[in-house]
Amino acid sequence: MSQSKREQVVSHLRYIRQELREMHLGVMEENLLPEAGEVRGVLAQTEALLELLEGKTTRKSKSEAS
């Protein structure tokens, strides 16, 4: 893996980790579930990371999108 790609992966992972920590704190300390948009955002980041690691764009089938 090239250094630039490695740096991108590390950046994505740090962002995802921070977002998940914030969600966890909200659940544990305030008994609040994260909003759907927050969860979708973190999911989008994990998908972007997977695409970066695979080096290609993945396409969802209609059954996966449902």
N, C-alpha and C. Protein backbone atom coordinates (compact mmCIF):
# COMPACT_ATOMS: atom_id res chain seq x y z
N MET A 1 0.86 -1.17 0.00
CA MET A 1 0.00 0.00 0.00
C MET A 1 0.90 1.23 0.00
N SER A 2 0.61 2.18 -0.88
CA SER A 2 1.44 3.38 -0.96
C SER A 2 1.25 4.24 0.28
N GLN A 3 2.22 5.09 0.53
CA GLN A 3 2.17 5.95 1.72
C GLN A 3 0.96 6.87 1.69
N SER A 4 0.65 7.42 0.52
CA SER A 4 -0.50 8.32 0.41
C SER A 4 -1.79 7.59 0.73
N LYS A 5 -1.94 6.39 0.20
CA LYS A 5 -3.14 5.60 0.46
C LYS A 5 -3.21 5.25 1.94
N ARG A 6 -2.08 4.90 2.52
CA ARG A 6 -2.03 4.57 3.95
C ARG A 6 -2.48 5.77 4.78
N GLU A 7 -2.03 6.96 4.42
CA GLU A 7 -2.42 8.17 5.14
C GLU A 7 -3.92 8.42 5.02
N GLN A 8 -4.48 8.17 3.85
CA GLN A 8 -5.91 8.33 3.66
C GLN A 8 -6.69 7.34 4.52
N VAL A 9 -6.22 6.11 4.58
CA VAL A 9 -6.88 5.10 5.40
C VAL A 9 -6.84 5.50 6.87
N VAL A 10 -5.68 5.93 7.33
CA VAL A 10 -5.53 6.35 8.72
C VAL A 10 -6.47 7.52 9.02
N SER A 11 -6.57 8.46 8.12
CA SER A 11 -7.45 9.61 8.31
C SER A 11 -8.91 9.17 8.40
N HIS A 12 -9.33 8.29 7.50
CA HIS A 12 -10.70 7.78 7.54
C HIS A 12 -10.98 7.05 8.84
N LEU A 13 -10.04 6.22 9.26
CA LEU A 13 -10.24 5.45 10.50
C LEU A 13 -10.32 6.36 11.72
N ARG A 14 -9.52 7.39 11.76
CA ARG A 14 -9.58 8.33 12.89
C ARG A 14 -10.94 9.03 12.95
N TYR A 15 -11.41 9.43 11.79
CA TYR A 15 -12.72 10.09 11.73
C TYR A 15 -13.82 9.14 12.20
N ILE A 16 -13.81 7.93 11.69
CA ILE A 16 -14.83 6.95 12.06
C ILE A 16 -14.77 6.65 13.55
N ARG A 17 -13.56 6.47 14.07
CA ARG A 17 -13.40 6.19 15.49
C ARG A 17 -13.95 7.33 16.35
N GLN A 18 -13.67 8.56 15.97
CA GLN A 18 -14.17 9.71 16.73
C GLN A 18 -15.70 9.78 16.69
N GLU A 19 -16.27 9.58 15.52
CA GLU A 19 -17.72 9.60 15.40
C GLU A 19 -18.36 8.51 16.26
N LEU A 20 -17.79 7.32 16.23
CA LEU A 20 -18.33 6.21 17.03
C LEU A 20 -18.18 6.47 18.52
N ARG A 21 -17.07 7.09 18.93
CA ARG A 21 -16.89 7.44 20.34
C ARG A 21 -17.98 8.41 20.80
N GLU A 22 -18.26 9.41 19.97
CA GLU A 22 -19.30 10.39 20.32
C GLU A 22 -20.67 9.71 20.43
N MET A 23 -20.96 8.82 19.50
CA MET A 23 -22.23 8.09 19.56
C MET A 23 -22.30 7.24 20.82
N HIS A 24 -21.21 6.58 21.15
CA HIS A 24 -21.15 5.72 22.32
C HIS A 24 -21.38 6.52 23.60
N LEU A 25 -20.73 7.66 23.69
CA LEU A 25 -20.92 8.51 24.87
C LEU A 25 -22.37 8.96 25.00
N GLY A 26 -22.97 9.31 23.89
CA GLY A 26 -24.37 9.71 23.93
C GLY A 26 -25.27 8.59 24.43
N VAL A 27 -24.99 7.39 23.99
CA VAL A 27 -25.80 6.24 24.42
C VAL A 27 -25.55 5.94 25.90
N MET A 28 -24.30 5.90 26.31
CA MET A 28 -23.96 5.48 27.67
C MET A 28 -24.27 6.55 28.71
N GLU A 29 -23.98 7.80 28.42
CA GLU A 29 -24.12 8.85 29.43
C GLU A 29 -25.50 9.50 29.43
N GLU A 30 -26.09 9.64 28.26
CA GLU A 30 -27.34 10.38 28.16
C GLU A 30 -28.51 9.50 27.73
N ASN A 31 -28.25 8.21 27.52
CA ASN A 31 -29.27 7.27 27.07
C ASN A 31 -29.98 7.76 25.81
N LEU A 32 -29.22 8.38 24.92
CA LEU A 32 -29.75 8.86 23.65
C LEU A 32 -29.22 8.01 22.52
N LEU A 33 -30.10 7.57 21.65
CA LEU A 33 -29.67 6.86 20.46
C LEU A 33 -29.24 7.88 19.42
N PRO A 34 -28.23 7.56 18.63
CA PRO A 34 -27.81 8.49 17.58
C PRO A 34 -28.90 8.65 16.54
N GLU A 35 -28.92 9.80 15.91
CA GLU A 35 -29.89 10.03 14.84
C GLU A 35 -29.51 9.19 13.63
N ALA A 36 -30.52 8.85 12.85
CA ALA A 36 -30.29 8.00 11.68
C ALA A 36 -29.26 8.62 10.74
N GLY A 37 -29.28 9.93 10.58
CA GLY A 37 -28.34 10.61 9.70
C GLY A 37 -26.90 10.45 10.17
N GLU A 38 -26.70 10.45 11.48
CA GLU A 38 -25.35 10.25 12.02
C GLU A 38 -24.85 8.84 11.69
N VAL A 39 -25.72 7.87 11.88
CA VAL A 39 -25.34 6.49 11.60
C VAL A 39 -25.05 6.31 10.11
N ARG A 40 -25.91 6.90 9.27
CA ARG A 40 -25.68 6.82 7.82
C ARG A 40 -24.36 7.46 7.44
N GLY A 41 -24.00 8.55 8.09
CA GLY A 41 -22.74 9.23 7.80
C GLY A 41 -21.54 8.37 8.12
N VAL A 42 -21.57 7.70 9.27
CA VAL A 42 -20.46 6.82 9.63
C VAL A 42 -20.43 5.62 8.69
N LEU A 43 -21.58 5.11 8.34
CA LEU A 43 -21.64 4.00 7.39
C LEU A 43 -21.05 4.42 6.04
N ALA A 44 -21.35 5.61 5.60
CA ALA A 44 -20.81 6.11 4.34
C ALA A 44 -19.28 6.22 4.42
N GLN A 45 -18.78 6.63 5.57
CA GLN A 45 -17.32 6.70 5.74
C GLN A 45 -16.68 5.32 5.69
N THR A 46 -17.33 4.32 6.29
CA THR A 46 -16.77 2.97 6.23
C THR A 46 -16.80 2.43 4.81
N GLU A 47 -17.86 2.76 4.06
CA GLU A 47 -17.93 2.34 2.67
C GLU A 47 -16.85 3.02 1.83
N ALA A 48 -16.61 4.30 2.10
CA ALA A 48 -15.56 5.03 1.38
C ALA A 48 -14.19 4.42 1.70
N LEU A 49 -13.99 4.04 2.94
CA LEU A 49 -12.73 3.41 3.32
C LEU A 49 -12.56 2.07 2.61
N LEU A 50 -13.62 1.29 2.56
CA LEU A 50 -13.56 0.00 1.87
C LEU A 50 -13.23 0.20 0.38
N GLU A 51 -13.86 1.19 -0.24
CA GLU A 51 -13.58 1.47 -1.65
C GLU A 51 -12.13 1.89 -1.84
N LEU A 52 -11.62 2.68 -0.93
CA LEU A 52 -10.24 3.12 -1.01
C LEU A 52 -9.29 1.93 -0.90
N LEU A 53 -9.59 1.03 0.02
CA LEU A 53 -8.74 -0.15 0.21
C LEU A 53 -8.81 -1.10 -0.97
N GLU A 54 -10.01 -1.25 -1.54
CA GLU A 54 -10.17 -2.14 -2.68
C GLU A 54 -9.68 -1.51 -3.97
N GLY A 55 -9.60 -0.19 -3.99
CA GLY A 55 -9.13 0.51 -5.17
C GLY A 55 -10.13 0.56 -6.29
N LYS A 56 -11.39 0.41 -5.97
CA LYS A 56 -12.43 0.46 -6.98
C LYS A 56 -13.73 0.89 -6.32
N THR A 57 -14.69 1.23 -7.14
CA THR A 57 -16.01 1.61 -6.64
C THR A 57 -16.88 0.36 -6.60
N THR A 58 -17.52 0.16 -5.46
CA THR A 58 -18.43 -0.98 -5.36
C THR A 58 -19.83 -0.52 -5.66
N ARG A 59 -20.59 -1.36 -6.32
CA ARG A 59 -21.97 -1.04 -6.65
C ARG A 59 -22.88 -1.96 -5.87
N LYS A 60 -23.95 -1.39 -5.33
CA LYS A 60 -24.92 -2.16 -4.59
C LYS A 60 -25.98 -2.70 -5.55
N SER A 61 -26.36 -3.92 -5.31
CA SER A 61 -27.49 -4.45 -6.07
C SER A 61 -28.77 -3.93 -5.43
N LYS A 62 -29.88 -4.06 -6.11
CA LYS A 62 -31.15 -3.58 -5.57
C LYS A 62 -31.50 -4.30 -4.28
N SER A 63 -31.16 -5.57 -4.15
CA SER A 63 -31.48 -6.31 -2.93
C SER A 63 -30.66 -5.82 -1.75
N GLU A 64 -29.41 -5.38 -1.97
CA GLU A 64 -28.59 -4.85 -0.90
C GLU A 64 -29.05 -3.48 -0.47
N ALA A 65 -29.58 -2.68 -1.39
CA ALA A 65 -30.02 -1.33 -1.08
C ALA A 65 -31.28 -1.32 -0.24
N SER A 66 -32.06 -2.37 -0.26
CA SER A 66 -33.31 -2.44 0.49
C SER A 66 -33.09 -2.81 1.93
